[in-house]
């Protein structure tokens, strides 16, 4: 079974001033990230603005990033959809391109019942049996929660290897940890909840903050796993203001601004996302300076 590591970066998608994807910056950023604490890159997820990317843009991003990092890290491709047929086609295409796994978000808007969610993910897994799949539960965006007992049933499917859990519910995380095999990989989908989730059995994080502090997140998680809980707590509390600043408005608006402040030419977000307010930008700048990130 593939090991995605402990720090997975939900990578932003850089854009040029005309709004087209900046593949050169994407390649450079991907290389920088795997050299600074990132084990696996998650491409074209929420932070990558997948709702406003075409499938052709996404496939090219998968290929560009794979070539850029050249086995220095792994690549998980965001292939989810609220159409089972579409998700199957995208996953099969990504598998042919050589990605190491696929992220499968809970179908959004149509709110299938738990039986429908099980059938959806099972069908995708069966259509690409050699590709490891990571479930993605984020009910605040999808409108539907993937229940712990449904995750447990899906964990019995051989190539469904883990879940990015972003419900914000530690009780649900505890239930998933209790109901799934030890090798099932559970990742925090919220930077600020990584340490609490580790305490109830999670493996690591699919992170936004790791664009900026990947090495520190590696240190925090390893410290916790080695029993150095006070050190892990110290790192968490030091980074906590950054975690909150990066979600002061809709992700990925703040992280793109933070990268811009570090002189990365990542561009703006695509509509309907919009520019951040001056107040949020100012607060973010203060936090970055306090952590010596700019």
Protein backbone atom coordinates (compact mmCIF):
# COMPACT_ATOMS: atom_id res chain seq x y z
CA UNK A 1 0.00 0.00 0.00
CA UNK A 2 1.27 3.46 -0.89
CA UNK A 3 2.42 5.70 1.94
CA UNK A 4 1.60 9.34 1.31
CA UNK A 5 3.61 10.52 4.31
CA UNK A 6 2.52 12.90 7.05
CA UNK A 7 2.50 16.35 5.39
CA UNK A 8 0.44 16.60 2.23
CA UNK A 9 0.19 20.04 0.64
CA UNK A 10 -3.08 21.05 -1.00
CA UNK A 11 -1.28 23.09 -3.66
CA UNK A 12 -2.63 26.33 -5.06
CA UNK A 13 -2.99 26.80 -8.82
CA UNK A 14 -0.99 29.81 -10.06
CA UNK A 15 -2.56 32.05 -12.68
CA UNK A 16 -1.13 34.58 -15.10
CA UNK A 17 -2.51 38.16 -15.19
CA UNK A 18 -4.85 37.12 -18.03
CA UNK A 19 -6.33 34.36 -15.85
CA UNK A 20 -4.73 31.41 -17.63
CA UNK A 21 -2.86 28.75 -15.64
CA UNK A 22 0.80 29.57 -15.05
CA UNK A 23 2.32 26.13 -15.46
CA UNK A 24 5.91 27.36 -15.07
CA UNK A 25 5.21 28.78 -11.62
CA UNK A 26 3.28 25.62 -10.73
CA UNK A 27 6.34 23.53 -11.56
CA UNK A 28 8.66 25.77 -9.55
CA UNK A 29 6.33 25.89 -6.57
CA UNK A 30 5.85 22.11 -6.59
CA UNK A 31 9.62 21.61 -6.52
CA UNK A 32 10.01 24.13 -3.70
CA UNK A 33 7.33 22.41 -1.63
CA UNK A 34 8.76 18.88 -1.87
CA UNK A 35 12.14 20.32 -0.86
CA UNK A 36 10.60 22.02 2.19
CA UNK A 37 8.60 19.50 4.18
CA UNK A 38 5.97 18.24 1.76
CA UNK A 39 5.72 14.47 1.30
CA UNK A 40 2.85 14.51 -1.20
CA UNK A 41 1.29 17.21 -3.36
CA UNK A 42 -2.49 17.27 -3.73
CA UNK A 43 -3.20 18.92 -7.07
CA UNK A 44 -6.53 20.45 -8.10
CA UNK A 45 -8.34 20.15 -4.80
CA UNK A 46 -10.23 22.94 -3.05
CA UNK A 47 -7.08 25.04 -2.57
CA UNK A 48 -6.20 24.46 -6.22
CA UNK A 49 -9.51 26.08 -7.28
CA UNK A 50 -10.73 22.94 -9.03
CA UNK A 51 -14.31 24.25 -9.45
CA UNK A 52 -13.08 26.86 -11.96
CA UNK A 53 -10.52 24.69 -13.78
CA UNK A 54 -11.32 22.73 -16.91
CA UNK A 55 -10.42 19.04 -16.99
CA UNK A 56 -7.85 19.83 -19.71
CA UNK A 57 -6.15 22.33 -17.37
CA UNK A 58 -6.21 19.82 -14.53
CA UNK A 59 -4.68 17.02 -16.60
CA UNK A 60 -1.90 19.34 -17.75
CA UNK A 61 -1.24 20.37 -14.14
CA UNK A 62 -0.95 16.73 -13.10
CA UNK A 63 1.62 16.12 -15.85
CA UNK A 64 3.59 19.33 -15.20
CA UNK A 65 3.87 18.62 -11.47
CA UNK A 66 4.80 14.97 -11.97
CA UNK A 67 7.62 15.98 -14.31
CA UNK A 68 8.76 18.84 -12.06
CA UNK A 69 9.19 16.88 -8.84
CA UNK A 70 10.63 13.80 -10.58
CA UNK A 71 10.01 11.28 -7.77
CA UNK A 72 11.08 13.68 -4.99
CA UNK A 73 7.52 13.36 -3.68
CA UNK A 74 4.16 11.86 -4.57
CA UNK A 75 1.23 13.38 -6.43
CA UNK A 76 -2.44 12.93 -5.57
CA UNK A 77 -4.75 14.16 -8.30
CA UNK A 78 -8.05 15.81 -7.48
CA UNK A 79 -10.47 13.78 -9.58
CA UNK A 80 -13.71 14.15 -7.63
CA UNK A 81 -17.04 15.15 -9.08
CA UNK A 82 -20.72 15.15 -8.20
CA UNK A 83 -21.14 12.93 -11.26
CA UNK A 84 -19.96 9.36 -10.69
CA UNK A 85 -19.39 8.85 -14.41
CA UNK A 86 -17.26 11.99 -14.64
CA UNK A 87 -15.21 11.08 -11.55
CA UNK A 88 -14.52 7.62 -12.99
CA UNK A 89 -13.33 9.06 -16.30
CA UNK A 90 -11.08 11.64 -14.61
CA UNK A 91 -9.61 9.06 -12.25
CA UNK A 92 -8.84 6.65 -15.07
CA UNK A 93 -7.18 9.43 -17.06
CA UNK A 94 -5.06 10.51 -14.06
CA UNK A 95 -4.05 6.90 -13.40
CA UNK A 96 -2.81 6.56 -16.96
CA UNK A 97 -0.68 9.68 -16.43
CA UNK A 98 1.16 8.07 -13.53
CA UNK A 99 -0.16 9.88 -10.46
CA UNK A 100 0.29 8.09 -7.14
CA UNK A 101 -3.29 8.52 -5.92
CA UNK A 102 -6.57 10.34 -6.45
CA UNK A 103 -8.56 12.58 -4.11
CA UNK A 104 -12.30 11.88 -4.21
CA UNK A 105 -14.49 14.57 -2.69
CA UNK A 106 -17.99 13.84 -1.39
CA UNK A 107 -20.37 14.70 -4.25
CA UNK A 108 -21.51 18.28 -3.82
CA UNK A 109 -24.92 19.92 -4.32
CA UNK A 110 -26.91 16.75 -5.09
CA UNK A 111 -26.60 15.47 -1.46
CA UNK A 112 -26.75 11.70 -1.98
CA UNK A 113 -27.70 9.55 1.02
CA UNK A 114 -25.03 7.39 2.66
CA UNK A 115 -25.91 4.44 0.42
CA UNK A 116 -25.38 6.63 -2.63
CA UNK A 117 -22.04 7.87 -1.28
CA UNK A 118 -20.87 4.30 -0.72
CA UNK A 119 -21.88 3.27 -4.23
CA UNK A 120 -20.23 6.37 -5.74
CA UNK A 121 -16.82 5.78 -4.15
CA UNK A 122 -17.00 2.02 -4.62
CA UNK A 123 -17.66 2.47 -8.34
CA UNK A 124 -14.67 4.81 -8.75
CA UNK A 125 -12.42 2.40 -6.87
CA UNK A 126 -13.53 -0.58 -8.93
CA UNK A 127 -12.96 1.34 -12.17
CA UNK A 128 -9.32 2.09 -11.24
CA UNK A 129 -8.35 -0.82 -8.98
CA UNK A 130 -4.59 -0.16 -9.11
CA UNK A 131 -4.82 3.48 -8.00
CA UNK A 132 -5.00 4.34 -4.27
CA UNK A 133 -7.93 6.64 -3.45
CA UNK A 134 -8.19 9.18 -0.65
CA UNK A 135 -11.74 10.12 0.36
CA UNK A 136 -12.39 13.80 1.07
CA UNK A 137 -15.08 14.77 3.55
CA UNK A 138 -15.77 18.51 3.78
CA UNK A 139 -19.48 18.97 4.54
CA UNK A 140 -19.16 22.75 4.89
CA UNK A 141 -18.57 22.89 1.14
CA UNK A 142 -20.40 19.82 -0.17
CA UNK A 143 -23.58 20.00 1.90
CA UNK A 144 -23.33 16.35 2.95
CA UNK A 145 -21.35 14.59 5.67
CA UNK A 146 -19.67 11.24 5.02
CA UNK A 147 -20.53 9.29 8.16
CA UNK A 148 -17.94 7.30 10.08
CA UNK A 149 -19.70 3.99 9.49
CA UNK A 150 -19.77 4.69 5.74
CA UNK A 151 -16.03 5.43 5.82
CA UNK A 152 -15.54 2.14 7.67
CA UNK A 153 -17.40 0.22 4.95
CA UNK A 154 -15.38 1.98 2.26
CA UNK A 155 -12.14 1.16 4.08
CA UNK A 156 -12.86 -2.48 3.24
CA UNK A 157 -12.42 -1.63 -0.47
CA UNK A 158 -8.81 -2.55 -1.22
CA UNK A 159 -7.66 0.64 -2.96
CA UNK A 160 -9.52 3.12 -0.74
CA UNK A 161 -6.61 3.82 1.56
CA UNK A 162 -7.59 6.84 3.62
CA UNK A 163 -9.66 9.95 4.19
CA UNK A 164 -9.05 13.67 4.35
CA UNK A 165 -11.43 14.53 7.20
CA UNK A 166 -12.48 18.18 7.25
CA UNK A 167 -15.77 18.01 9.14
CA UNK A 168 -14.21 19.72 12.15
CA UNK A 169 -15.79 17.07 14.37
CA UNK A 170 -13.27 15.31 16.61
CA UNK A 171 -15.89 12.81 17.73
CA UNK A 172 -16.32 11.77 14.12
CA UNK A 173 -12.54 11.44 13.74
CA UNK A 174 -12.46 9.25 16.85
CA UNK A 175 -15.23 7.08 15.44
CA UNK A 176 -13.41 6.68 12.11
CA UNK A 177 -10.19 5.74 13.90
CA UNK A 178 -12.06 3.20 16.01
CA UNK A 179 -13.92 1.61 13.09
CA UNK A 180 -11.16 1.41 10.46
CA UNK A 181 -8.02 -0.76 10.26
CA UNK A 182 -4.79 0.67 11.64
CA UNK A 183 -3.31 0.97 8.15
CA UNK A 184 -6.19 3.20 6.97
CA UNK A 185 -4.68 6.69 6.62
CA UNK A 186 -6.63 9.52 8.29
CA UNK A 187 -5.55 13.08 7.55
CA UNK A 188 -6.69 16.34 9.07
CA UNK A 189 -8.27 18.66 6.53
CA UNK A 190 -7.82 21.66 8.86
CA UNK A 191 -4.37 22.91 9.86
CA UNK A 192 -5.56 24.11 13.24
CA UNK A 193 -6.97 20.66 14.10
CA UNK A 194 -3.94 18.60 13.10
CA UNK A 195 -2.54 18.22 16.61
CA UNK A 196 -5.90 17.39 18.23
CA UNK A 197 -6.60 14.86 15.48
CA UNK A 198 -3.21 13.23 15.98
CA UNK A 199 -4.22 12.70 19.59
CA UNK A 200 -7.20 10.56 18.56
CA UNK A 201 -5.41 8.58 15.86
CA UNK A 202 -4.90 10.62 12.69
CA UNK A 203 -1.69 10.18 10.68
CA UNK A 204 -1.02 13.69 9.38
CA UNK A 205 -2.47 16.65 7.53
CA UNK A 206 -3.54 17.77 4.09
CA UNK A 207 -2.33 21.28 4.65
CA UNK A 208 -2.64 24.80 3.29
CA UNK A 209 -0.12 26.27 5.74
CA UNK A 210 2.56 23.86 4.49
CA UNK A 211 3.06 26.21 1.55
CA UNK A 212 4.81 28.34 4.17
CA UNK A 213 5.74 26.09 7.11
CA UNK A 214 6.05 22.55 5.78
CA UNK A 215 9.21 21.84 7.74
CA UNK A 216 7.65 23.06 10.99
CA UNK A 217 4.61 20.84 10.43
CA UNK A 218 6.90 17.87 9.86
CA UNK A 219 8.65 18.69 13.15
CA UNK A 220 5.35 19.02 15.03
CA UNK A 221 3.93 15.72 13.80
CA UNK A 222 7.15 13.79 14.33
CA UNK A 223 7.52 15.27 17.83
CA UNK A 224 4.02 14.09 18.75
CA UNK A 225 4.61 10.62 17.32
CA UNK A 226 7.86 10.34 19.28
CA UNK A 227 6.15 11.26 22.55
CA UNK A 228 7.45 14.82 22.69
CA UNK A 229 3.97 16.21 23.21
CA UNK A 230 5.09 19.46 24.84
CA UNK A 231 7.27 20.30 21.85
CA UNK A 232 4.41 19.46 19.49
CA UNK A 233 2.09 21.73 21.47
CA UNK A 234 4.64 24.55 21.44
CA UNK A 235 4.92 24.37 17.64
CA UNK A 236 1.14 24.19 17.25
CA UNK A 237 0.60 27.27 19.40
CA UNK A 238 3.34 29.15 17.59
CA UNK A 239 1.72 28.42 14.23
CA UNK A 240 -1.88 28.83 15.40
CA UNK A 241 -2.18 32.54 14.40
CA UNK A 242 -1.02 31.60 10.91
CA UNK A 243 -3.58 28.80 10.69
CA UNK A 244 -6.37 31.22 11.58
CA UNK A 245 -5.14 34.00 9.28
CA UNK A 246 -5.09 31.64 6.31
CA UNK A 247 -8.80 30.98 6.83
CA UNK A 248 -9.89 34.51 7.73
CA UNK A 249 -11.79 34.45 4.43
CA UNK A 250 -12.46 31.80 1.83
CA UNK A 251 -9.51 29.54 1.02
CA UNK A 252 -7.36 29.94 -1.14
CA UNK A 253 -7.64 33.74 -1.12
CA UNK A 254 -5.34 34.27 1.91
CA UNK A 255 -2.68 31.68 1.00
CA UNK A 256 -2.31 33.21 -2.45
CA UNK A 257 -1.76 36.60 -0.83
CA UNK A 258 0.77 35.11 1.57
CA UNK A 259 2.71 33.57 -1.31
CA UNK A 260 2.55 36.87 -3.15
CA UNK A 261 4.07 38.56 -0.10
CA UNK A 262 6.91 36.04 -0.42
CA UNK A 263 7.36 37.16 -4.05
CA UNK A 264 5.76 34.11 -5.64
CA UNK A 265 3.97 35.16 -8.86
CA UNK A 266 0.89 33.05 -8.22
CA UNK A 267 -1.66 35.59 -9.40
CA UNK A 268 -5.15 36.14 -8.08
CA UNK A 269 -8.05 33.72 -7.71
CA UNK A 270 -10.55 33.03 -10.46
CA UNK A 271 -14.09 34.44 -10.19
CA UNK A 272 -16.37 34.06 -8.35
CA UNK A 273 -13.61 34.21 -5.71
CA UNK A 274 -12.43 37.76 -5.29
CA UNK A 275 -9.65 39.89 -3.85
CA UNK A 276 -9.08 39.93 -0.09
CA UNK A 277 -9.90 42.99 1.98
CA UNK A 278 -7.07 45.36 3.03
CA UNK A 279 -7.73 44.44 6.67
CA UNK A 280 -7.16 40.73 6.03
CA UNK A 281 -4.03 41.47 4.01
CA UNK A 282 -2.66 43.64 6.79
CA UNK A 283 -3.35 41.02 9.47
CA UNK A 284 -1.75 38.32 7.34
CA UNK A 285 1.34 40.46 6.83
CA UNK A 286 1.73 40.95 10.57
CA UNK A 287 1.53 37.20 11.24
CA UNK A 288 4.01 36.38 8.49
CA UNK A 289 6.48 38.91 9.86
CA UNK A 290 6.13 37.52 13.39
CA UNK A 291 7.06 34.07 12.07
CA UNK A 292 9.92 35.46 9.92
CA UNK A 293 8.18 34.25 6.77
CA UNK A 294 8.60 37.60 5.00
